[in-house]
Amino acid sequence: MQVIHVDGIKYYRSERWPHLKHGIFTRHGGVSSGVWGSLNLGGTVGDDPRAVRQNHDRVYSVLEVPGHNACTTWQVHGADVVCALQPLKARRWLDRADGVVTNKPDLPLVMRYADCVPLLYYDAVKRAVGLAHAGWRGTVQGMAANMVRAMESCFGSNPQDIQVIIGPSISQDTFQVGEEVVDALYAYFGDEASEFVRRDTADGSAYVDLWAANCLDLQRVGVVDIEVSGICTYSSTDDFYSHRGEKGKTGRFGVVISL
């Protein structure tokens, strides 16, 4: 991943996608203050709505994408996917969903995160992109795989042509979970869940690798080109917002992708 600095804004992009406008934004370069400082893109976490709007404008300006066309969803920790054809005039979000795909140029897709997994999709053959939000609930419902199926259905994508980036999120070392999460992982992934569920030798508590879980989900539907950023949000609160690391009092960093 390449780190870009522009006008105080710091964001990451893939060097493999030089002609695709995209960015995984940190918390730097915005106008929000307090626990939301400073590039908070979350509009439902208590921040001043005017500051959030200015932060969005800054992100779109840096990427040189039309912010008035930006498409997002009301994220609900599920696994539904929306095909975006145009923004809705009546509201800012398209639907209650955690994934969105498009093949329309200059239709930026944007989502917000603070420990959950950002999933960025690009099919250079069919010229289509996608963006998803996968917490543990979305992961055990097949969010990663559902995105691939949506691109197959909407655009005729071949899974082997789809490239995926797994962005910054909480890592296994810091993601301790309860038994209900472990049970849900085994229910969806079967015995292969043992590859990404680790037990503490001292007390038996469970730690989950969401990066590996989403990789497996993608591989099961035929994706072979997967890049993992390897950045832990919990351990990097100087750069990223972390809901768990900051005890729920924090903002949301944004990811944007556009043809």
C-alpha atoms as a PDB file:
ATOM      1  CA  MET A   1       0.000   0.000   0.000  1.00  0.00           C
ATOM      2  CA  GLN A   2       1.178   3.482  -0.902  1.00  0.00           C
ATOM      3  CA  VAL A   3       0.834   6.348   1.593  1.00  0.00           C
ATOM      4  CA  ILE A   4      -0.288   9.703   0.150  1.00  0.00           C
ATOM      5  CA  HIS A   5      -0.111  13.106   1.877  1.00  0.00           C
ATOM      6  CA  VAL A   6      -2.126  16.004   0.417  1.00  0.00           C
ATOM      7  CA  ASP A   7      -3.005  19.238   2.263  1.00  0.00           C
ATOM      8  CA  GLY A   8      -2.711  17.551   5.652  1.00  0.00           C
ATOM      9  CA  ILE A   9      -4.792  14.564   4.570  1.00  0.00           C
ATOM     10  CA  LYS A  10      -3.140  11.154   4.823  1.00  0.00           C
ATOM     11  CA  TYR A  11      -4.547   8.186   2.963  1.00  0.00           C
ATOM     12  CA  TYR A  12      -3.563   4.810   1.531  1.00  0.00           C
ATOM     13  CA  ARG A  13      -3.985   3.510  -1.998  1.00  0.00           C
ATOM     14  CA  SER A  14      -2.920   0.439  -3.920  1.00  0.00           C
ATOM     15  CA  GLU A  15       0.025   0.878  -6.244  1.00  0.00           C
ATOM     16  CA  ARG A  16      -1.546  -1.842  -8.389  1.00  0.00           C
ATOM     17  CA  TRP A  17      -4.542   0.372  -9.192  1.00  0.00           C
ATOM     18  CA  PRO A  18      -2.841   3.504 -10.571  1.00  0.00           C
ATOM     19  CA  HIS A  19      -5.723   4.406 -12.894  1.00  0.00           C
ATOM     20  CA  LEU A  20      -8.484   3.805 -10.346  1.00  0.00           C
ATOM     21  CA  LYS A  21      -9.503   6.643  -8.029  1.00  0.00           C
ATOM     22  CA  HIS A  22      -9.562   5.203  -4.537  1.00  0.00           C
ATOM     23  CA  GLY A  23      -8.387   5.940  -1.033  1.00  0.00           C
ATOM     24  CA  ILE A  24      -8.386   4.427   2.444  1.00  0.00           C
ATOM     25  CA  PHE A  25      -8.386   7.575   4.553  1.00  0.00           C
ATOM     26  CA  THR A  26      -6.860   7.995   7.978  1.00  0.00           C
ATOM     27  CA  ARG A  27      -8.159  10.342  10.664  1.00  0.00           C
ATOM     28  CA  HIS A  28      -5.824  13.170   9.577  1.00  0.00           C
ATOM     29  CA  GLY A  29      -6.634  16.333   7.659  1.00  0.00           C
ATOM     30  CA  GLY A  30     -10.192  17.156   8.649  1.00  0.00           C
ATOM     31  CA  VAL A  31     -11.974  19.828  10.671  1.00  0.00           C
ATOM     32  CA  SER A  32     -13.629  17.760  13.419  1.00  0.00           C
ATOM     33  CA  SER A  33     -12.468  18.241  17.006  1.00  0.00           C
ATOM     34  CA  GLY A  34     -12.515  16.312  20.268  1.00  0.00           C
ATOM     35  CA  VAL A  35     -12.858  12.543  20.101  1.00  0.00           C
ATOM     36  CA  TRP A  36     -13.799  12.890  16.420  1.00  0.00           C
ATOM     37  CA  GLY A  37     -10.582  14.642  15.453  1.00  0.00           C
ATOM     38  CA  SER A  38     -10.116  15.213  12.702  1.00  0.00           C
ATOM     39  CA  LEU A  39     -11.238  13.575   9.395  1.00  0.00           C
ATOM     40  CA  ASN A  40     -14.361  11.908  10.762  1.00  0.00           C
ATOM     41  CA  LEU A  41     -16.788  10.787   8.021  1.00  0.00           C
ATOM     42  CA  GLY A  42     -19.347   9.268  10.377  1.00  0.00           C
ATOM     43  CA  GLY A  43     -22.579  11.212  10.570  1.00  0.00           C
ATOM     44  CA  THR A  44     -24.189   9.236  13.408  1.00  0.00           C
ATOM     45  CA  VAL A  45     -21.498   9.331  16.097  1.00  0.00           C
ATOM     46  CA  GLY A  46     -22.252  12.702  17.658  1.00  0.00           C
ATOM     47  CA  ASP A  47     -19.981  14.942  15.607  1.00  0.00           C
ATOM     48  CA  ASP A  48     -21.076  18.336  14.253  1.00  0.00           C
ATOM     49  CA  PRO A  49     -22.869  17.600  10.937  1.00  0.00           C
ATOM     50  CA  ARG A  50     -21.264  20.657   9.360  1.00  0.00           C
ATOM     51  CA  ALA A  51     -17.798  19.337  10.184  1.00  0.00           C
ATOM     52  CA  VAL A  52     -18.671  15.909   8.808  1.00  0.00           C
ATOM     53  CA  ARG A  53     -19.856  17.467   5.548  1.00  0.00           C
ATOM     54  CA  GLN A  54     -16.662  19.501   5.249  1.00  0.00           C
ATOM     55  CA  ASN A  55     -14.630  16.343   5.839  1.00  0.00           C
ATOM     56  CA  HIS A  56     -16.499  14.556   3.063  1.00  0.00           C
ATOM     57  CA  ASP A  57     -15.886  17.480   0.745  1.00  0.00           C
ATOM     58  CA  ARG A  58     -12.166  17.360   1.502  1.00  0.00           C
ATOM     59  CA  VAL A  59     -11.966  13.639   0.755  1.00  0.00           C
ATOM     60  CA  TYR A  60     -13.749  13.973  -2.592  1.00  0.00           C
ATOM     61  CA  SER A  61     -11.618  16.963  -3.527  1.00  0.00           C
ATOM     62  CA  VAL A  62      -8.371  15.116  -2.837  1.00  0.00           C
ATOM     63  CA  LEU A  63      -9.435  12.192  -5.026  1.00  0.00           C
ATOM     64  CA  GLU A  64     -10.888  14.533  -7.660  1.00  0.00           C
ATOM     65  CA  VAL A  65     -14.227  12.726  -7.730  1.00  0.00           C
ATOM     66  CA  PRO A  66     -17.695  14.370  -7.888  1.00  0.00           C
ATOM     67  CA  GLY A  67     -18.911  14.405  -4.307  1.00  0.00           C
ATOM     68  CA  HIS A  68     -22.478  15.228  -5.371  1.00  0.00           C
ATOM     69  CA  ASN A  69     -22.612  11.782  -7.009  1.00  0.00           C
ATOM     70  CA  ALA A  70     -21.267   9.884  -3.987  1.00  0.00           C
ATOM     71  CA  CYS A  71     -23.229   6.738  -3.137  1.00  0.00           C
ATOM     72  CA  THR A  72     -23.318   5.070   0.249  1.00  0.00           C
ATOM     73  CA  THR A  73     -25.531   2.780   2.318  1.00  0.00           C
ATOM     74  CA  TRP A  74     -26.978   2.707   5.788  1.00  0.00           C
ATOM     75  CA  GLN A  75     -24.580   0.155   7.256  1.00  0.00           C
ATOM     76  CA  VAL A  76     -26.356  -2.445   9.408  1.00  0.00           C
ATOM     77  CA  HIS A  77     -23.719  -5.189   9.950  1.00  0.00           C
ATOM     78  CA  GLY A  78     -25.413  -7.456   7.452  1.00  0.00           C
ATOM     79  CA  ALA A  79     -24.438  -8.969   4.108  1.00  0.00           C
ATOM     80  CA  ASP A  80     -26.785  -7.405   1.566  1.00  0.00           C
ATOM     81  CA  VAL A  81     -25.363  -5.743  -1.559  1.00  0.00           C
ATOM     82  CA  VAL A  82     -26.797  -2.856  -3.591  1.00  0.00           C
ATOM     83  CA  CYS A  83     -26.048  -2.160  -7.258  1.00  0.00           C
ATOM     84  CA  ALA A  84     -25.591   1.606  -7.609  1.00  0.00           C
ATOM     85  CA  LEU A  85     -26.752   3.200 -10.846  1.00  0.00           C
ATOM     86  CA  GLN A  86     -27.105   6.775  -9.623  1.00  0.00           C
ATOM     87  CA  PRO A  87     -27.394   8.656  -6.314  1.00  0.00           C
ATOM     88  CA  LEU A  88     -30.835   9.094  -4.810  1.00  0.00           C
ATOM     89  CA  LYS A  89     -32.070  12.662  -4.624  1.00  0.00           C
ATOM     90  CA  ALA A  90     -34.378  12.061  -1.676  1.00  0.00           C
ATOM     91  CA  ARG A  91     -31.685  10.822   0.753  1.00  0.00           C
ATOM     92  CA  ARG A  92     -27.936  10.348   1.137  1.00  0.00           C
ATOM     93  CA  TRP A  93     -27.981   6.536   1.371  1.00  0.00           C
ATOM     94  CA  LEU A  94     -29.186   3.992  -1.192  1.00  0.00           C
ATOM     95  CA  ASP A  95     -30.518   1.285   1.125  1.00  0.00           C
ATOM     96  CA  ARG A  96     -29.846  -0.594   4.350  1.00  0.00           C
ATOM     97  CA  ALA A  97     -26.907  -2.721   3.239  1.00  0.00           C
ATOM     98  CA  ASP A  98     -23.198  -3.265   3.816  1.00  0.00           C
ATOM     99  CA  GLY A  99     -22.033  -3.677   0.244  1.00  0.00           C
ATOM    100  CA  VAL A 100     -22.365  -1.635  -2.937  1.00  0.00           C
ATOM    101  CA  VAL A 101     -21.148  -2.232  -6.500  1.00  0.00           C
ATOM    102  CA  THR A 102     -21.203  -0.168  -9.673  1.00  0.00           C
ATOM    103  CA  ASN A 103     -19.899   0.010 -13.229  1.00  0.00           C
ATOM    104  CA  LYS A 104     -20.790   3.669 -13.682  1.00  0.00           C
ATOM    105  CA  PRO A 105     -17.923   6.172 -14.091  1.00  0.00           C
ATOM    106  CA  ASP A 106     -17.770   9.124 -11.707  1.00  0.00           C
ATOM    107  CA  LEU A 107     -20.115   7.448  -9.220  1.00  0.00           C
ATOM    108  CA  PRO A 108     -17.939   7.308  -6.073  1.00  0.00           C
ATOM    109  CA  LEU A 109     -18.742   4.632  -3.514  1.00  0.00           C
ATOM    110  CA  VAL A 110     -18.048   5.563   0.115  1.00  0.00           C
ATOM    111  CA  MET A 111     -18.305   3.736   3.448  1.00  0.00           C
ATOM    112  CA  ARG A 112     -17.197   4.308   7.038  1.00  0.00           C
ATOM    113  CA  TYR A 113     -15.234   2.131   9.466  1.00  0.00           C
ATOM    114  CA  ALA A 114     -13.788   1.908  12.970  1.00  0.00           C
ATOM    115  CA  ASP A 115     -12.479  -1.705  13.382  1.00  0.00           C
ATOM    116  CA  CYS A 116     -14.706  -3.561  10.892  1.00  0.00           C
ATOM    117  CA  VAL A 117     -13.083  -4.777   7.684  1.00  0.00           C
ATOM    118  CA  PRO A 118     -13.090  -2.599   4.542  1.00  0.00           C
ATOM    119  CA  LEU A 119     -13.283  -4.695   1.373  1.00  0.00           C
ATOM    120  CA  LEU A 120     -12.420  -2.979  -1.926  1.00  0.00           C
ATOM    121  CA  TYR A 121     -13.192  -4.750  -5.234  1.00  0.00           C
ATOM    122  CA  TYR A 122     -12.017  -4.029  -8.766  1.00  0.00           C
ATOM    123  CA  ASP A 123     -12.722  -5.900 -11.991  1.00  0.00           C
ATOM    124  CA  ALA A 124     -10.509  -4.324 -14.655  1.00  0.00           C
ATOM    125  CA  VAL A 125     -12.014  -6.553 -17.379  1.00  0.00           C
ATOM    126  CA  LYS A 126     -15.662  -5.598 -16.893  1.00  0.00           C
ATOM    127  CA  ARG A 127     -14.756  -2.161 -15.488  1.00  0.00           C
ATOM    128  CA  ALA A 128     -16.632  -2.500 -12.213  1.00  0.00           C
ATOM    129  CA  VAL A 129     -15.868  -1.691  -8.593  1.00  0.00           C
ATOM    130  CA  GLY A 130     -17.313  -2.500  -5.201  1.00  0.00           C
ATOM    131  CA  LEU A 131     -16.993  -1.568  -1.550  1.00  0.00           C
ATOM    132  CA  ALA A 132     -18.099  -3.502   1.527  1.00  0.00           C
ATOM    133  CA  HIS A 133     -18.131  -3.270   5.315  1.00  0.00           C
ATOM    134  CA  ALA A 134     -17.574  -6.574   7.136  1.00  0.00           C
ATOM    135  CA  GLY A 135     -17.585  -6.881  10.898  1.00  0.00           C
ATOM    136  CA  TRP A 136     -17.773 -10.319  12.442  1.00  0.00           C
ATOM    137  CA  ARG A 137     -21.537 -10.427  11.822  1.00  0.00           C
ATOM    138  CA  GLY A 138     -21.118  -9.597   8.154  1.00  0.00           C
ATOM    139  CA  THR A 139     -18.235 -12.027   7.860  1.00  0.00           C
ATOM    140  CA  VAL A 140     -20.267 -14.989   9.133  1.00  0.00           C
ATOM    141  CA  GLN A 141     -23.092 -14.045   6.752  1.00  0.00           C
ATOM    142  CA  GLY A 142     -20.776 -14.162   3.721  1.00  0.00           C
ATOM    143  CA  MET A 143     -20.356 -10.451   3.017  1.00  0.00           C
ATOM    144  CA  ALA A 144     -17.109 -10.967   1.084  1.00  0.00           C
ATOM    145  CA  ALA A 145     -18.537 -13.716  -1.118  1.00  0.00           C
ATOM    146  CA  ASN A 146     -21.853 -11.919  -1.637  1.00  0.00           C
ATOM    147  CA  MET A 147     -19.998  -9.013  -3.213  1.00  0.00           C
ATOM    148  CA  VAL A 148     -18.456 -11.344  -5.781  1.00  0.00           C
ATOM    149  CA  ARG A 149     -21.839 -12.891  -6.553  1.00  0.00           C
ATOM    150  CA  ALA A 150     -23.312  -9.417  -7.000  1.00  0.00           C
ATOM    151  CA  MET A 151     -20.569  -8.459  -9.473  1.00  0.00           C
ATOM    152  CA  GLU A 152     -21.156 -11.718 -11.350  1.00  0.00           C
ATOM    153  CA  SER A 153     -24.908 -11.080 -11.505  1.00  0.00           C
ATOM    154  CA  CYS A 154     -24.817  -7.340 -12.270  1.00  0.00           C
ATOM    155  CA  PHE A 155     -21.811  -7.113 -14.582  1.00  0.00           C
ATOM    156  CA  GLY A 156     -20.926 -10.642 -15.686  1.00  0.00           C
ATOM    157  CA  SER A 157     -17.664 -10.544 -13.741  1.00  0.00           C
ATOM    158  CA  ASN A 158     -15.418 -13.582 -13.593  1.00  0.00           C
ATOM    159  CA  PRO A 159     -14.255 -14.078  -9.969  1.00  0.00           C
ATOM    160  CA  GLN A 160     -10.711 -14.724 -11.197  1.00  0.00           C
ATOM    161  CA  ASP A 161     -10.664 -11.227 -12.708  1.00  0.00           C
ATOM    162  CA  ILE A 162     -11.724  -9.534  -9.463  1.00  0.00           C
ATOM    163  CA  GLN A 163      -8.981  -8.030  -7.339  1.00  0.00           C
ATOM    164  CA  VAL A 164      -9.736  -7.420  -3.658  1.00  0.00           C
ATOM    165  CA  ILE A 165      -8.042  -5.315  -1.008  1.00  0.00           C
ATOM    166  CA  ILE A 166      -8.674  -6.073   2.659  1.00  0.00           C
ATOM    167  CA  GLY A 167      -8.147  -2.740   4.373  1.00  0.00           C
ATOM    168  CA  PRO A 168      -7.200  -1.668   7.908  1.00  0.00           C
ATOM    169  CA  SER A 169      -9.297  -3.201  10.678  1.00  0.00           C
ATOM    170  CA  ILE A 170      -8.900  -4.844  14.055  1.00  0.00           C
ATOM    171  CA  SER A 171      -6.324  -7.647  14.032  1.00  0.00           C
ATOM    172  CA  GLN A 172      -6.415 -11.079  15.620  1.00  0.00           C
ATOM    173  CA  ASP A 173      -4.010 -10.030  18.375  1.00  0.00           C
ATOM    174  CA  THR A 174      -6.534  -7.493  19.683  1.00  0.00           C
ATOM    175  CA  PHE A 175      -9.885  -8.993  18.668  1.00  0.00           C
ATOM    176  CA  GLN A 176     -10.976 -11.072  21.638  1.00  0.00           C
ATOM    177  CA  VAL A 177     -14.478 -12.490  21.186  1.00  0.00           C
ATOM    178  CA  GLY A 178     -17.118 -14.444  23.052  1.00  0.00           C
ATOM    179  CA  GLU A 179     -18.205 -17.985  22.356  1.00  0.00           C
ATOM    180  CA  GLU A 180     -21.232 -16.831  20.348  1.00  0.00           C
ATOM    181  CA  VAL A 181     -18.839 -15.388  17.761  1.00  0.00           C
ATOM    182  CA  VAL A 182     -16.788 -18.590  17.652  1.00  0.00           C
ATOM    183  CA  ASP A 183     -19.952 -20.653  17.210  1.00  0.00           C
ATOM    184  CA  ALA A 184     -21.106 -18.398  14.361  1.00  0.00           C
ATOM    185  CA  LEU A 185     -17.748 -18.734  12.605  1.00  0.00           C
ATOM    186  CA  TYR A 186     -17.804 -22.524  12.804  1.00  0.00           C
ATOM    187  CA  ALA A 187     -21.435 -22.568  11.634  1.00  0.00           C
ATOM    188  CA  TYR A 188     -20.482 -20.671   8.468  1.00  0.00           C
ATOM    189  CA  PHE A 189     -16.942 -21.861   7.736  1.00  0.00           C
ATOM    190  CA  GLY A 190     -17.086 -25.360   9.214  1.00  0.00           C
ATOM    191  CA  ASP A 191     -13.868 -26.923  10.507  1.00  0.00           C
ATOM    192  CA  GLU A 192     -11.831 -24.429   8.469  1.00  0.00           C
ATOM    193  CA  ALA A 193     -12.700 -21.814  11.102  1.00  0.00           C
ATOM    194  CA  SER A 194      -9.917 -23.344  13.195  1.00  0.00           C
ATOM    195  CA  GLU A 195      -7.500 -21.580  10.824  1.00  0.00           C
ATOM    196  CA  PHE A 196      -8.487 -18.161  12.172  1.00  0.00           C
ATOM    197  CA  VAL A 197      -9.740 -18.817  15.709  1.00  0.00           C
ATOM    198  CA  ARG A 198      -6.900 -18.840  18.238  1.00  0.00           C
ATOM    199  CA  ARG A 199      -7.209 -19.780  21.901  1.00  0.00           C
ATOM    200  CA  ASP A 200      -5.228 -18.139  24.675  1.00  0.00           C
ATOM    201  CA  THR A 201      -3.221 -20.882  26.360  1.00  0.00           C
ATOM    202  CA  ALA A 202      -3.698 -19.275  29.770  1.00  0.00           C
ATOM    203  CA  ASP A 203      -7.472 -18.824  29.989  1.00  0.00           C
ATOM    204  CA  GLY A 204      -8.863 -20.329  26.778  1.00  0.00           C
ATOM    205  CA  SER A 205     -10.321 -17.048  25.507  1.00  0.00           C
ATOM    206  CA  ALA A 206     -10.781 -16.761  21.741  1.00  0.00           C
ATOM    207  CA  TYR A 207      -9.169 -14.332  19.299  1.00  0.00           C
ATOM    208  CA  VAL A 208     -10.352 -14.080  15.685  1.00  0.00           C
ATOM    209  CA  ASP A 209      -8.484 -13.184  12.484  1.00  0.00           C
ATOM    210  CA  LEU A 210     -11.087 -11.417  10.343  1.00  0.00           C
ATOM    211  CA  TRP A 211      -8.531 -10.900   7.564  1.00  0.00           C
ATOM    212  CA  ALA A 212      -8.010 -14.654   7.166  1.00  0.00           C
ATOM    213  CA  ALA A 213     -11.738 -15.353   7.470  1.00  0.00           C
ATOM    214  CA  ASN A 214     -12.599 -12.953   4.653  1.00  0.00           C
ATOM    215  CA  CYS A 215      -9.734 -14.288   2.539  1.00  0.00           C
ATOM    216  CA  LEU A 216     -11.173 -17.785   2.851  1.00  0.00           C
ATOM    217  CA  ASP A 217     -14.662 -16.559   1.964  1.00  0.00           C
ATOM    218  CA  LEU A 218     -13.288 -14.902  -1.169  1.00  0.00           C
ATOM    219  CA  GLN A 219     -11.243 -17.941  -2.168  1.00  0.00           C
ATOM    220  CA  ARG A 220     -14.273 -20.188  -1.828  1.00  0.00           C
ATOM    221  CA  VAL A 221     -16.036 -18.244  -4.598  1.00  0.00           C
ATOM    222  CA  GLY A 222     -13.017 -18.193  -6.893  1.00  0.00           C
ATOM    223  CA  VAL A 223     -11.137 -14.973  -6.080  1.00  0.00           C
ATOM    224  CA  VAL A 224      -7.388 -15.490  -6.304  1.00  0.00           C
ATOM    225  CA  ASP A 225      -6.020 -11.926  -6.244  1.00  0.00           C
ATOM    226  CA  ILE A 226      -6.264 -10.652  -2.658  1.00  0.00           C
ATOM    227  CA  GLU A 227      -4.136  -7.984  -0.993  1.00  0.00           C
ATOM    228  CA  VAL A 228      -4.196  -7.621   2.812  1.00  0.00           C
ATOM    229  CA  SER A 229      -3.118  -4.258   4.192  1.00  0.00           C
ATOM    230  CA  GLY A 230      -2.095  -5.788   7.514  1.00  0.00           C
ATOM    231  CA  ILE A 231      -2.870  -2.594   9.448  1.00  0.00           C
ATOM    232  CA  CYS A 232      -4.569  -2.992  12.846  1.00  0.00           C
ATOM    233  CA  THR A 233      -6.901  -0.112  13.708  1.00  0.00           C
ATOM    234  CA  TYR A 234      -6.922  -0.970  17.421  1.00  0.00           C
ATOM    235  CA  SER A 235      -3.132  -0.672  17.562  1.00  0.00           C
ATOM    236  CA  SER A 236      -2.997   2.397  15.289  1.00  0.00           C
ATOM    237  CA  THR A 237      -5.367   4.937  16.846  1.00  0.00           C
ATOM    238  CA  ASP A 238      -2.856   7.646  15.990  1.00  0.00           C
ATOM    239  CA  ASP A 239      -3.883   7.050  12.357  1.00  0.00           C
ATOM    240  CA  PHE A 240      -7.277   5.329  12.460  1.00  0.00           C
ATOM    241  CA  TYR A 241     -10.444   5.385  14.506  1.00  0.00           C
ATOM    242  CA  SER A 242     -11.021   2.260  16.616  1.00  0.00           C
ATOM    243  CA  HIS A 243     -14.386   1.650  18.254  1.00  0.00           C
ATOM    244  CA  ARG A 244     -12.950  -0.940  20.606  1.00  0.00           C
ATOM    245  CA  GLY A 245      -9.606   0.736  21.176  1.00  0.00           C
ATOM    246  CA  GLU A 246     -11.275   4.064  22.035  1.00  0.00           C
ATOM    247  CA  LYS A 247     -14.152   2.531  24.008  1.00  0.00           C
ATOM    248  CA  GLY A 248     -16.834   3.648  21.571  1.00  0.00           C
ATOM    249  CA  LYS A 249     -15.993   7.358  21.783  1.00  0.00           C
ATOM    250  CA  THR A 250     -14.531   7.987  18.357  1.00  0.00           C
ATOM    251  CA  GLY A 251     -15.230   8.782  14.718  1.00  0.00           C
ATOM    252  CA  ARG A 252     -15.231   6.762  11.498  1.00  0.00           C
ATOM    253  CA  PHE A 253     -12.571   6.758   8.816  1.00  0.00           C
ATOM    254  CA  GLY A 254     -13.693   6.607   5.228  1.00  0.00           C
ATOM    255  CA  VAL A 255     -12.941   4.536   2.149  1.00  0.00           C
ATOM    256  CA  VAL A 256     -13.794   5.796  -1.332  1.00  0.00           C
ATOM    257  CA  ILE A 257     -13.534   4.056  -4.700  1.00  0.00           C
ATOM    258  CA  SER A 258     -14.604   5.343  -8.111  1.00  0.00           C
ATOM    259  CA  LEU A 259     -14.194   4.494 -11.778  1.00  0.00           C
END
